[in-house]
N, C-alpha and C. Protein backbone atom coordinates (compact mmCIF):
# COMPACT_ATOMS: atom_id res chain seq x y z
N MET A 1 81.01 180.54 101.19
CA MET A 1 82.37 180.24 100.55
C MET A 1 82.26 178.77 101.71
N THR A 2 82.40 177.67 101.02
CA THR A 2 82.75 176.95 101.12
C THR A 2 83.58 176.28 102.01
N SER A 3 83.59 175.00 102.82
CA SER A 3 84.29 175.08 103.95
C SER A 3 86.25 174.15 102.99
N HIS A 4 85.52 173.32 102.08
CA HIS A 4 86.62 173.11 101.78
C HIS A 4 88.18 173.68 101.08
N ALA A 5 87.42 175.19 100.49
CA ALA A 5 88.65 175.54 100.38
C ALA A 5 89.20 176.77 101.25
N LEU A 6 88.72 176.72 102.31
CA LEU A 6 89.11 177.45 103.17
C LEU A 6 89.88 176.07 104.33
N ASP A 7 89.65 175.34 104.02
CA ASP A 7 90.17 174.47 105.34
C ASP A 7 92.13 173.83 104.47
N ARG A 8 91.74 173.99 103.39
CA ARG A 8 93.19 173.54 102.72
C ARG A 8 94.53 174.76 103.25
N PRO A 9 95.45 172.98 103.60
CA PRO A 9 96.96 174.18 103.61
C PRO A 9 97.40 175.57 102.82
N PRO A 10 98.37 176.00 103.24
CA PRO A 10 99.16 176.95 101.97
C PRO A 10 100.08 176.22 101.53
N LEU A 11 100.33 176.58 100.00
CA LEU A 11 101.51 175.76 99.07
C LEU A 11 102.68 176.35 99.87
N ARG A 12 103.51 175.70 100.57
CA ARG A 12 104.29 175.77 101.26
C ARG A 12 105.96 175.28 100.27
N LEU A 13 106.53 176.04 99.64
CA LEU A 13 107.86 175.34 98.85
C LEU A 13 109.29 175.27 99.54
N ASN A 14 110.23 174.04 99.59
CA ASN A 14 111.30 174.38 100.19
C ASN A 14 112.28 174.74 98.87
N LEU A 15 112.77 175.71 99.81
CA LEU A 15 113.69 176.59 98.87
C LEU A 15 115.01 177.60 99.37
N ASP A 16 115.95 176.88 98.93
CA ASP A 16 117.15 176.98 99.66
C ASP A 16 117.58 179.06 99.47
N GLU A 17 118.76 178.99 100.14
CA GLU A 17 118.94 180.89 100.29
C GLU A 17 119.35 181.34 98.65
N ASP A 18 119.44 180.19 97.96
CA ASP A 18 119.82 180.91 96.51
C ASP A 18 118.54 181.15 95.47
N GLN A 19 117.77 180.22 95.40
CA GLN A 19 116.56 179.83 95.18
C GLN A 19 115.94 181.08 95.59
N ILE A 20 115.07 181.84 96.83
CA ILE A 20 114.84 182.59 97.70
C ILE A 20 115.38 184.02 96.58
N GLU A 21 116.37 183.97 96.71
CA GLU A 21 116.66 185.43 95.99
C GLU A 21 116.41 185.23 94.88
N VAL A 22 116.53 184.46 94.37
CA VAL A 22 116.31 184.05 92.58
C VAL A 22 114.42 184.47 92.43
N VAL A 23 114.41 183.85 93.04
CA VAL A 23 112.46 184.24 93.46
C VAL A 23 112.52 185.74 93.47
N ALA A 24 112.79 186.12 94.72
CA ALA A 24 112.56 187.84 95.15
C ALA A 24 113.12 188.53 93.92
N SER A 25 114.42 188.32 93.01
CA SER A 25 114.45 189.11 92.22
C SER A 25 113.52 189.19 90.43
N LEU A 26 113.35 188.29 90.12
CA LEU A 26 111.66 187.73 89.76
C LEU A 26 111.30 188.67 90.18
N ILE A 27 110.51 188.48 90.94
CA ILE A 27 109.23 188.76 91.51
C ILE A 27 109.23 190.53 91.41
N ASP A 28 110.30 190.96 92.31
CA ASP A 28 110.59 192.49 92.02
C ASP A 28 111.06 193.55 90.91
N HIS A 29 111.01 192.35 89.94
CA HIS A 29 110.96 192.49 88.52
C HIS A 29 109.87 192.74 87.70
N LEU A 30 108.75 191.79 88.06
CA LEU A 30 107.72 191.78 86.80
C LEU A 30 106.82 193.00 86.40
N PRO A 31 106.39 192.93 86.15
CA PRO A 31 105.80 194.07 85.86
C PRO A 31 104.25 193.85 85.82
N LEU A 32 103.23 194.49 86.65
CA LEU A 32 102.28 194.03 87.08
C LEU A 32 100.93 194.90 87.06
N GLY A 33 100.18 195.27 85.17
CA GLY A 33 99.49 195.50 84.87
C GLY A 33 98.40 195.69 86.28
N PHE A 34 98.48 194.08 86.64
CA PHE A 34 97.24 193.70 87.09
C PHE A 34 96.50 194.36 88.33
N ASN A 35 95.06 195.37 89.05
CA ASN A 35 95.15 195.32 90.23
C ASN A 35 93.89 195.61 90.95
N SER A 36 93.38 195.59 92.19
CA SER A 36 92.36 195.90 92.52
C SER A 36 90.89 195.57 91.57
N SER A 37 91.45 196.74 91.02
CA SER A 37 89.58 196.99 90.14
C SER A 37 89.59 196.07 88.81
N HIS A 38 90.64 195.07 88.65
CA HIS A 38 90.61 193.96 87.93
C HIS A 38 89.67 193.22 88.43
N CYS A 39 90.31 192.69 89.55
CA CYS A 39 89.56 191.44 89.56
C CYS A 39 88.33 191.11 90.23
N GLY A 40 87.44 191.69 91.19
CA GLY A 40 86.20 191.39 90.86
C GLY A 40 85.30 191.23 88.54
N PRO A 41 85.94 192.21 88.08
CA PRO A 41 85.06 192.44 87.58
C PRO A 41 86.13 191.23 86.24
N ALA A 42 87.03 190.65 86.62
CA ALA A 42 87.39 189.61 85.27
C ALA A 42 86.31 188.29 86.44
N ARG A 43 86.56 188.05 87.75
CA ARG A 43 86.19 186.69 88.68
C ARG A 43 84.63 187.12 87.81
N VAL A 44 83.72 188.16 87.85
CA VAL A 44 82.52 187.52 87.03
C VAL A 44 82.55 187.32 86.38
N LEU A 45 82.99 188.01 85.19
CA LEU A 45 83.37 187.83 84.16
C LEU A 45 83.15 186.03 83.15
N LEU A 46 84.56 185.52 84.48
CA LEU A 46 84.54 183.88 83.97
C LEU A 46 83.41 182.84 84.52
N GLY A 47 82.55 183.88 85.47
CA GLY A 47 81.85 183.31 86.19
C GLY A 47 82.58 182.62 87.45
N TRP A 48 82.99 183.42 88.37
CA TRP A 48 84.31 182.33 89.28
C TRP A 48 83.37 182.66 90.20
N SER A 49 82.82 182.14 91.85
CA SER A 49 83.29 182.27 92.91
C SER A 49 84.68 182.49 93.41
N ILE A 50 83.85 183.72 94.56
CA ILE A 50 85.75 183.92 94.83
C ILE A 50 86.22 182.76 95.91
N ASP A 51 85.78 181.84 95.61
CA ASP A 51 86.04 180.61 96.60
C ASP A 51 86.91 180.11 95.17
N ASP A 52 86.15 179.75 94.08
CA ASP A 52 86.27 179.74 92.47
C ASP A 52 88.63 180.03 92.09
N LEU A 53 88.08 181.36 92.39
CA LEU A 53 89.50 181.79 92.18
C LEU A 53 90.07 181.54 93.21
N GLY A 54 90.09 181.08 94.33
CA GLY A 54 90.83 181.05 95.93
C GLY A 54 91.84 179.69 95.29
N ALA A 55 90.83 178.99 94.75
CA ALA A 55 91.08 177.53 94.68
C ALA A 55 91.82 177.46 93.42
N LYS A 56 91.99 178.15 92.66
CA LYS A 56 92.80 178.37 91.39
C LYS A 56 93.86 178.91 91.39
N SER A 57 93.88 179.54 92.00
CA SER A 57 95.05 181.04 92.43
C SER A 57 96.24 180.46 93.68
N GLY A 58 94.98 180.04 95.01
CA GLY A 58 96.19 179.43 95.91
C GLY A 58 96.35 180.41 96.88
N VAL A 59 95.41 181.55 96.60
CA VAL A 59 95.12 182.85 97.33
C VAL A 59 94.27 182.94 97.98
N SER A 60 93.83 182.61 99.54
CA SER A 60 93.00 182.71 100.25
C SER A 60 91.68 183.54 99.56
N PRO A 61 90.15 182.69 100.01
CA PRO A 61 89.57 183.82 99.57
C PRO A 61 89.42 185.46 100.27
N GLN A 62 89.28 185.08 101.92
CA GLN A 62 89.36 185.99 102.34
C GLN A 62 89.95 187.14 101.95
N ALA A 63 91.28 186.83 101.24
CA ALA A 63 92.20 187.90 100.98
C ALA A 63 91.84 188.54 99.51
N ILE A 64 90.73 187.40 98.86
CA ILE A 64 90.59 187.67 97.76
C ILE A 64 89.25 188.86 98.08
N LEU A 65 88.77 188.94 99.15
CA LEU A 65 87.55 189.23 99.13
C LEU A 65 87.99 191.12 99.68
N GLU A 66 89.22 191.35 100.65
CA GLU A 66 89.52 191.66 100.86
C GLU A 66 90.13 193.01 99.46
N LEU A 67 90.81 192.32 98.91
CA LEU A 67 91.50 192.93 97.73
C LEU A 67 89.96 193.41 97.28
N GLU A 68 89.43 192.91 96.44
CA GLU A 68 88.15 193.13 96.04
C GLU A 68 87.63 194.44 96.58
N GLY A 69 87.71 194.84 97.95
CA GLY A 69 87.27 195.90 98.93
C GLY A 69 88.18 197.10 98.59
N GLY A 70 89.42 196.92 98.07
CA GLY A 70 90.02 197.74 97.49
C GLY A 70 91.74 197.91 98.53
N ALA A 71 91.88 196.30 99.45
CA ALA A 71 92.53 196.89 100.30
C ALA A 71 93.54 196.09 98.86
N HIS A 72 95.12 196.36 99.81
CA HIS A 72 96.25 195.91 99.14
C HIS A 72 97.04 194.88 99.27
N LEU A 73 97.68 193.21 98.56
CA LEU A 73 97.73 192.19 98.86
C LEU A 73 99.62 191.99 98.26
N ASN A 74 100.31 191.31 98.76
CA ASN A 74 102.01 191.23 98.28
C ASN A 74 101.71 191.18 96.24
N ALA A 75 102.89 191.01 96.30
CA ALA A 75 102.88 191.29 94.64
C ALA A 75 102.77 189.85 94.21
N VAL A 76 103.33 188.59 95.32
CA VAL A 76 103.25 187.40 94.88
C VAL A 76 101.36 186.92 94.64
N SER A 77 101.25 187.24 95.79
CA SER A 77 99.01 186.53 95.91
C SER A 77 98.60 187.87 94.48
N MET A 78 99.30 188.71 93.99
CA MET A 78 98.65 189.59 92.67
C MET A 78 98.88 188.85 91.95
N GLN A 79 99.99 188.20 91.39
CA GLN A 79 100.62 187.56 90.62
C GLN A 79 100.00 186.17 90.59
N ALA A 80 99.60 185.45 91.30
CA ALA A 80 99.08 184.38 91.14
C ALA A 80 97.55 184.86 91.37
N LEU A 81 96.75 185.64 91.26
CA LEU A 81 95.55 186.10 90.71
C LEU A 81 95.46 186.59 89.28
N ALA A 82 96.47 186.70 89.02
CA ALA A 82 96.42 187.86 87.39
C ALA A 82 96.90 186.00 86.68
N PHE A 83 97.91 185.62 87.34
CA PHE A 83 98.23 184.42 86.30
C PHE A 83 96.26 183.04 86.15
N ALA A 84 96.01 182.66 87.09
CA ALA A 84 95.13 182.30 87.19
C ALA A 84 93.79 182.68 86.79
N LEU A 85 93.12 184.04 86.56
CA LEU A 85 92.38 184.40 85.62
C LEU A 85 92.63 184.61 83.95
N GLU A 86 93.94 184.37 83.80
CA GLU A 86 94.46 184.81 82.85
C GLU A 86 94.51 182.93 82.07
N ALA A 87 94.79 182.13 82.66
CA ALA A 87 94.55 180.34 81.81
C ALA A 87 93.28 180.37 81.61
């Protein structure tokens, strides 16, 4: 893994309580057909490394590695990965 992808600070949004509630509601109601069995094959098909996918999605390379090993990630991370792979 390259150090620059791991050294990047996480994305932080300054949302008020109403905005947080709206975002949480949207996330709770998003259909998500993307799962851990899709991540590795889609990434390889695109010719991306784990670091590449991390940089494009904002999800840490460690979390992607864990996902591809069968771990579960939160819905926000899964959606970010799905969007990055679809772009």
